[in-house]
């Protein structure tokens, strides 16, 4: 049974890594980034929910009076 020839593996792996690096560099270089990034003003949002204005009470079955 012939032995597996591994002499070209190093060349194949190195060329694959180099190709991936070049492809990723090209993909990243096509993005346009803002030249002067600005901070967003973080303001607290006011959400008005119907249950915010009402007072509600939740009764659990164990806290209800026992029926007679």
PDB file of N, CA and C in Angstrom:
ATOM      1  N   UNK A   1       0.855  -1.185   0.000  1.00  0.00           N
ATOM      2  CA  UNK A   1       0.000   0.000   0.000  1.00  0.00           C
ATOM      3  C   UNK A   1       0.895   1.242   0.000  1.00  0.00           C
ATOM      4  N   UNK A   2       0.650   2.185  -0.903  1.00  0.00           N
ATOM      5  CA  UNK A   2       1.548   3.351  -0.984  1.00  0.00           C
ATOM      6  C   UNK A   2       1.333   4.306   0.184  1.00  0.00           C
ATOM      7  N   UNK A   3       2.392   4.972   0.507  1.00  0.00           N
ATOM      8  CA  UNK A   3       2.350   5.952   1.591  1.00  0.00           C
ATOM      9  C   UNK A   3       1.727   7.259   1.082  1.00  0.00           C
ATOM     10  N   UNK A   4       1.090   7.971   2.016  1.00  0.00           N
ATOM     11  CA  UNK A   4       0.486   9.250   1.659  1.00  0.00           C
ATOM     12  C   UNK A   4       1.592  10.292   1.519  1.00  0.00           C
ATOM     13  N   UNK A   5       1.590  10.960   0.397  1.00  0.00           N
ATOM     14  CA  UNK A   5       2.626  11.962   0.135  1.00  0.00           C
ATOM     15  C   UNK A   5       2.210  13.280   0.779  1.00  0.00           C
ATOM     16  N   UNK A   6       2.930  13.688   1.817  1.00  0.00           N
ATOM     17  CA  UNK A   6       2.593  14.916   2.551  1.00  0.00           C
ATOM     18  C   UNK A   6       3.548  16.046   2.241  1.00  0.00           C
ATOM     19  N   UNK A   7       4.331  15.910   1.213  1.00  0.00           N
ATOM     20  CA  UNK A   7       5.340  16.920   0.929  1.00  0.00           C
ATOM     21  C   UNK A   7       4.715  18.237   0.461  1.00  0.00           C
ATOM     22  N   UNK A   8       3.533  18.214  -0.129  1.00  0.00           N
ATOM     23  CA  UNK A   8       2.916  19.447  -0.637  1.00  0.00           C
ATOM     24  C   UNK A   8       1.946  20.069   0.363  1.00  0.00           C
ATOM     25  N   UNK A   9       1.762  19.457   1.507  1.00  0.00           N
ATOM     26  CA  UNK A   9       0.780  19.971   2.462  1.00  0.00           C
ATOM     27  C   UNK A   9       1.172  21.352   2.988  1.00  0.00           C
ATOM     28  N   UNK A  10       2.410  21.542   3.279  1.00  0.00           N
ATOM     29  CA  UNK A  10       2.860  22.832   3.815  1.00  0.00           C
ATOM     30  C   UNK A  10       2.604  23.957   2.810  1.00  0.00           C
ATOM     31  N   UNK A  11       2.917  23.694   1.560  1.00  0.00           N
ATOM     32  CA  UNK A  11       2.670  24.700   0.519  1.00  0.00           C
ATOM     33  C   UNK A  11       1.180  24.972   0.380  1.00  0.00           C
ATOM     34  N   UNK A  12       0.384  23.941   0.425  1.00  0.00           N
ATOM     35  CA  UNK A  12      -1.064  24.110   0.291  1.00  0.00           C
ATOM     36  C   UNK A  12      -1.637  24.901   1.458  1.00  0.00           C
ATOM     37  N   UNK A  13      -1.235  24.582   2.661  1.00  0.00           N
ATOM     38  CA  UNK A  13      -1.757  25.261   3.849  1.00  0.00           C
ATOM     39  C   UNK A  13      -1.307  26.719   3.874  1.00  0.00           C
ATOM     40  N   UNK A  14      -0.044  26.971   3.574  1.00  0.00           N
ATOM     41  CA  UNK A  14       0.447  28.347   3.574  1.00  0.00           C
ATOM     42  C   UNK A  14      -0.217  29.184   2.490  1.00  0.00           C
ATOM     43  N   UNK A  15      -0.418  28.622   1.324  1.00  0.00           N
ATOM     44  CA  UNK A  15      -1.078  29.378   0.257  1.00  0.00           C
ATOM     45  C   UNK A  15      -2.551  29.624   0.599  1.00  0.00           C
ATOM     46  N   UNK A  16      -3.197  28.690   1.280  1.00  0.00           N
ATOM     47  CA  UNK A  16      -4.583  28.878   1.699  1.00  0.00           C
ATOM     48  C   UNK A  16      -4.680  30.008   2.729  1.00  0.00           C
ATOM     49  N   UNK A  17      -3.774  30.042   3.686  1.00  0.00           N
ATOM     50  CA  UNK A  17      -3.776  31.087   4.705  1.00  0.00           C
ATOM     51  C   UNK A  17      -3.505  32.452   4.071  1.00  0.00           C
ATOM     52  N   UNK A  18      -2.568  32.502   3.163  1.00  0.00           N
ATOM     53  CA  UNK A  18      -2.255  33.755   2.469  1.00  0.00           C
ATOM     54  C   UNK A  18      -3.454  34.232   1.643  1.00  0.00           C
ATOM     55  N   UNK A  19      -4.109  33.321   0.956  1.00  0.00           N
ATOM     56  CA  UNK A  19      -5.277  33.677   0.156  1.00  0.00           C
ATOM     57  C   UNK A  19      -6.407  34.184   1.034  1.00  0.00           C
ATOM     58  N   UNK A  20      -6.655  33.528   2.154  1.00  0.00           N
ATOM     59  CA  UNK A  20      -7.702  33.978   3.077  1.00  0.00           C
ATOM     60  C   UNK A  20      -7.382  35.359   3.634  1.00  0.00           C
ATOM     61  N   UNK A  21      -6.137  35.575   3.961  1.00  0.00           N
ATOM     62  CA  UNK A  21      -5.732  36.877   4.475  1.00  0.00           C
ATOM     63  C   UNK A  21      -5.977  37.966   3.443  1.00  0.00           C
ATOM     64  N   UNK A  22      -5.592  37.720   2.206  1.00  0.00           N
ATOM     65  CA  UNK A  22      -5.788  38.705   1.142  1.00  0.00           C
ATOM     66  C   UNK A  22      -7.271  38.955   0.894  1.00  0.00           C
ATOM     67  N   UNK A  23      -8.074  37.906   0.876  1.00  0.00           N
ATOM     68  CA  UNK A  23      -9.507  38.066   0.640  1.00  0.00           C
ATOM     69  C   UNK A  23     -10.143  38.888   1.754  1.00  0.00           C
ATOM     70  N   UNK A  24      -9.794  38.616   2.991  1.00  0.00           N
ATOM     71  CA  UNK A  24     -10.361  39.376   4.109  1.00  0.00           C
ATOM     72  C   UNK A  24      -9.887  40.825   4.091  1.00  0.00           C
ATOM     73  N   UNK A  25      -8.661  41.049   3.730  1.00  0.00           N
ATOM     74  CA  UNK A  25      -8.167  42.421   3.641  1.00  0.00           C
ATOM     75  C   UNK A  25      -8.915  43.193   2.561  1.00  0.00           C
ATOM     76  N   UNK A  26      -9.182  42.555   1.454  1.00  0.00           N
ATOM     77  CA  UNK A  26      -9.925  43.214   0.384  1.00  0.00           C
ATOM     78  C   UNK A  26     -11.359  43.497   0.798  1.00  0.00           C
ATOM     79  N   UNK A  27     -11.960  42.557   1.506  1.00  0.00           N
ATOM     80  CA  UNK A  27     -13.337  42.774   1.964  1.00  0.00           C
ATOM     81  C   UNK A  27     -13.412  43.910   2.982  1.00  0.00           C
ATOM     82  N   UNK A  28     -12.450  43.960   3.882  1.00  0.00           N
ATOM     83  CA  UNK A  28     -12.451  44.999   4.911  1.00  0.00           C
ATOM     84  C   UNK A  28     -12.160  46.367   4.290  1.00  0.00           C
ATOM     85  N   UNK A  29     -11.308  46.399   3.295  1.00  0.00           N
ATOM     86  CA  UNK A  29     -10.934  47.688   2.705  1.00  0.00           C
ATOM     87  C   UNK A  29     -12.078  48.309   1.901  1.00  0.00           C
ATOM     88  N   UNK A  30     -13.075  47.537   1.534  1.00  0.00           N
ATOM     89  CA  UNK A  30     -14.193  48.076   0.761  1.00  0.00           C
ATOM     90  C   UNK A  30     -15.231  48.765   1.637  1.00  0.00           C
ATOM     91  N   UNK A  31     -15.140  48.596   2.937  1.00  0.00           N
ATOM     92  CA  UNK A  31     -16.086  49.252   3.837  1.00  0.00           C
ATOM     93  C   UNK A  31     -15.710  50.718   4.000  1.00  0.00           C
ATOM     94  N   UNK A  32     -16.716  51.543   4.072  1.00  0.00           N
ATOM     95  CA  UNK A  32     -16.441  52.955   4.313  1.00  0.00           C
ATOM     96  C   UNK A  32     -16.797  53.286   5.759  1.00  0.00           C
ATOM     97  N   UNK A  33     -15.823  53.709   6.480  1.00  0.00           N
ATOM     98  CA  UNK A  33     -16.003  54.052   7.880  1.00  0.00           C
ATOM     99  C   UNK A  33     -16.078  55.567   8.015  1.00  0.00           C
ATOM    100  N   UNK A  34     -16.852  56.076   8.982  1.00  0.00           N
ATOM    101  CA  UNK A  34     -16.912  57.529   9.161  1.00  0.00           C
ATOM    102  C   UNK A  34     -15.557  58.074   9.611  1.00  0.00           C
ATOM    103  N   UNK A  35     -15.196  59.221   9.085  1.00  0.00           N
ATOM    104  CA  UNK A  35     -13.896  59.791   9.418  1.00  0.00           C
ATOM    105  C   UNK A  35     -13.855  60.332  10.839  1.00  0.00           C
ATOM    106  N   UNK A  36     -14.979  60.916  11.258  1.00  0.00           N
ATOM    107  CA  UNK A  36     -15.013  61.497  12.590  1.00  0.00           C
ATOM    108  C   UNK A  36     -16.216  60.922  13.349  1.00  0.00           C
ATOM    109  N   UNK A  37     -16.023  59.847  14.063  1.00  0.00           N
ATOM    110  CA  UNK A  37     -17.159  59.266  14.782  1.00  0.00           C
ATOM    111  C   UNK A  37     -17.613  60.177  15.923  1.00  0.00           C
ATOM    112  N   UNK A  38     -18.918  60.285  16.072  1.00  0.00           N
ATOM    113  CA  UNK A  38     -19.478  61.127  17.125  1.00  0.00           C
ATOM    114  C   UNK A  38     -20.227  60.271  18.135  1.00  0.00           C
ATOM    115  N   UNK A  39     -20.222  60.740  19.355  1.00  0.00           N
ATOM    116  CA  UNK A  39     -20.927  60.017  20.399  1.00  0.00           C
ATOM    117  C   UNK A  39     -22.424  60.252  20.286  1.00  0.00           C
ATOM    118  N   UNK A  40     -23.172  59.205  20.552  1.00  0.00           N
ATOM    119  CA  UNK A  40     -24.616  59.358  20.555  1.00  0.00           C
ATOM    120  C   UNK A  40     -25.045  59.902  21.909  1.00  0.00           C
ATOM    121  N   UNK A  41     -26.014  60.778  21.886  1.00  0.00           N
ATOM    122  CA  UNK A  41     -26.527  61.272  23.152  1.00  0.00           C
ATOM    123  C   UNK A  41     -27.508  60.257  23.707  1.00  0.00           C
ATOM    124  N   UNK A  42     -27.217  59.824  24.873  1.00  0.00           N
ATOM    125  CA  UNK A  42     -28.067  58.799  25.474  1.00  0.00           C
ATOM    126  C   UNK A  42     -29.111  59.489  26.355  1.00  0.00           C
ATOM    127  N   UNK A  43     -30.292  59.555  25.843  1.00  0.00           N
ATOM    128  CA  UNK A  43     -31.376  60.147  26.614  1.00  0.00           C
ATOM    129  C   UNK A  43     -32.333  59.042  27.027  1.00  0.00           C
ATOM    130  N   UNK A  44     -32.908  59.232  28.181  1.00  0.00           N
ATOM    131  CA  UNK A  44     -33.802  58.214  28.699  1.00  0.00           C
ATOM    132  C   UNK A  44     -35.150  58.326  27.984  1.00  0.00           C
ATOM    133  N   UNK A  45     -35.576  57.232  27.435  1.00  0.00           N
ATOM    134  CA  UNK A  45     -36.833  57.226  26.710  1.00  0.00           C
ATOM    135  C   UNK A  45     -37.991  57.072  27.690  1.00  0.00           C
ATOM    136  N   UNK A  46     -39.039  57.824  27.449  1.00  0.00           N
ATOM    137  CA  UNK A  46     -40.247  57.738  28.277  1.00  0.00           C
ATOM    138  C   UNK A  46     -41.279  56.922  27.530  1.00  0.00           C
ATOM    139  N   UNK A  47     -41.547  55.750  28.041  1.00  0.00           N
ATOM    140  CA  UNK A  47     -42.560  54.905  27.446  1.00  0.00           C
ATOM    141  C   UNK A  47     -43.837  55.032  28.266  1.00  0.00           C
ATOM    142  N   UNK A  48     -44.928  55.234  27.595  1.00  0.00           N
ATOM    143  CA  UNK A  48     -46.191  55.309  28.309  1.00  0.00           C
ATOM    144  C   UNK A  48     -46.972  54.028  28.051  1.00  0.00           C
ATOM    145  N   UNK A  49     -47.106  53.275  29.077  1.00  0.00           N
ATOM    146  CA  UNK A  49     -47.876  52.037  29.019  1.00  0.00           C
ATOM    147  C   UNK A  49     -49.182  52.242  29.765  1.00  0.00           C
ATOM    148  N   UNK A  50     -50.220  51.559  29.337  1.00  0.00           N
ATOM    149  CA  UNK A  50     -51.500  51.737  30.033  1.00  0.00           C
ATOM    150  C   UNK A  50     -51.427  51.339  31.507  1.00  0.00           C
ATOM    151  N   UNK A  51     -50.594  50.366  31.822  1.00  0.00           N
ATOM    152  CA  UNK A  51     -50.536  49.918  33.218  1.00  0.00           C
ATOM    153  C   UNK A  51     -49.656  50.823  34.079  1.00  0.00           C
ATOM    154  N   UNK A  52     -48.952  51.758  33.490  1.00  0.00           N
ATOM    155  CA  UNK A  52     -48.162  52.693  34.290  1.00  0.00           C
ATOM    156  C   UNK A  52     -49.052  53.692  35.030  1.00  0.00           C
ATOM    157  N   UNK A  53     -50.161  54.062  34.429  1.00  0.00           N
ATOM    158  CA  UNK A  53     -51.013  55.080  35.042  1.00  0.00           C
ATOM    159  C   UNK A  53     -52.050  54.479  35.977  1.00  0.00           C
ATOM    160  N   UNK A  54     -52.233  53.189  35.940  1.00  0.00           N
ATOM    161  CA  UNK A  54     -53.254  52.550  36.784  1.00  0.00           C
ATOM    162  C   UNK A  54     -52.569  51.777  37.903  1.00  0.00           C
ATOM    163  N   UNK A  55     -53.303  51.691  39.009  1.00  0.00           N
ATOM    164  CA  UNK A  55     -52.813  50.855  40.095  1.00  0.00           C
ATOM    165  C   UNK A  55     -53.549  49.538  40.025  1.00  0.00           C
ATOM    166  N   UNK A  56     -52.811  48.471  39.899  1.00  0.00           N
ATOM    167  CA  UNK A  56     -53.443  47.154  39.809  1.00  0.00           C
ATOM    168  C   UNK A  56     -52.915  46.289  40.929  1.00  0.00           C
ATOM    169  N   UNK A  57     -53.761  45.393  41.366  1.00  0.00           N
ATOM    170  CA  UNK A  57     -53.368  44.460  42.401  1.00  0.00           C
ATOM    171  C   UNK A  57     -53.618  43.054  41.892  1.00  0.00           C
ATOM    172  N   UNK A  58     -52.641  42.212  42.067  1.00  0.00           N
ATOM    173  CA  UNK A  58     -52.778  40.837  41.623  1.00  0.00           C
ATOM    174  C   UNK A  58     -53.048  39.981  42.857  1.00  0.00           C
ATOM    175  N   UNK A  59     -54.130  39.247  42.785  1.00  0.00           N
ATOM    176  CA  UNK A  59     -54.490  38.372  43.888  1.00  0.00           C
ATOM    177  C   UNK A  59     -54.024  36.962  43.585  1.00  0.00           C
ATOM    178  N   UNK A  60     -53.293  36.398  44.500  1.00  0.00           N
ATOM    179  CA  UNK A  60     -52.940  35.000  44.330  1.00  0.00           C
ATOM    180  C   UNK A  60     -54.019  34.165  45.012  1.00  0.00           C
ATOM    181  N   UNK A  61     -54.258  32.984  44.517  1.00  0.00           N
ATOM    182  CA  UNK A  61     -55.339  32.164  45.093  1.00  0.00           C
ATOM    183  C   UNK A  61     -55.146  31.869  46.574  1.00  0.00           C
ATOM    184  N   UNK A  62     -53.919  31.820  47.040  1.00  0.00           N
ATOM    185  CA  UNK A  62     -53.683  31.491  48.437  1.00  0.00           C
ATOM    186  C   UNK A  62     -54.014  32.692  49.361  1.00  0.00           C
ATOM    187  N   UNK A  63     -54.009  33.907  48.822  1.00  0.00           N
ATOM    188  CA  UNK A  63     -54.256  35.048  49.683  1.00  0.00           C
ATOM    189  C   UNK A  63     -55.750  35.420  49.736  1.00  0.00           C
ATOM    190  N   UNK A  64     -56.547  34.772  48.913  1.00  0.00           N
ATOM    191  CA  UNK A  64     -57.984  35.044  48.929  1.00  0.00           C
ATOM    192  C   UNK A  64     -58.609  34.429  50.178  1.00  0.00           C
ATOM    193  N   UNK A  65     -59.697  35.003  50.677  1.00  0.00           N
ATOM    194  CA  UNK A  65     -60.347  34.395  51.846  1.00  0.00           C
ATOM    195  C   UNK A  65     -60.957  33.037  51.496  1.00  0.00           C
ATOM    196  N   UNK A  66     -60.987  32.204  52.472  1.00  0.00           N
ATOM    197  CA  UNK A  66     -61.539  30.869  52.243  1.00  0.00           C
ATOM    198  C   UNK A  66     -63.062  30.941  52.069  1.00  0.00           C
ATOM    199  N   UNK A  67     -63.586  30.212  51.100  1.00  0.00           N
ATOM    200  CA  UNK A  67     -65.047  30.222  50.950  1.00  0.00           C
ATOM    201  C   UNK A  67     -65.702  29.420  52.090  1.00  0.00           C
ATOM    202  N   UNK A  68     -66.835  29.909  52.544  1.00  0.00           N
ATOM    203  CA  UNK A  68     -67.530  29.222  53.634  1.00  0.00           C
ATOM    204  C   UNK A  68     -68.648  28.371  53.147  1.00  0.00           C
TER     205      UNK A  68
END
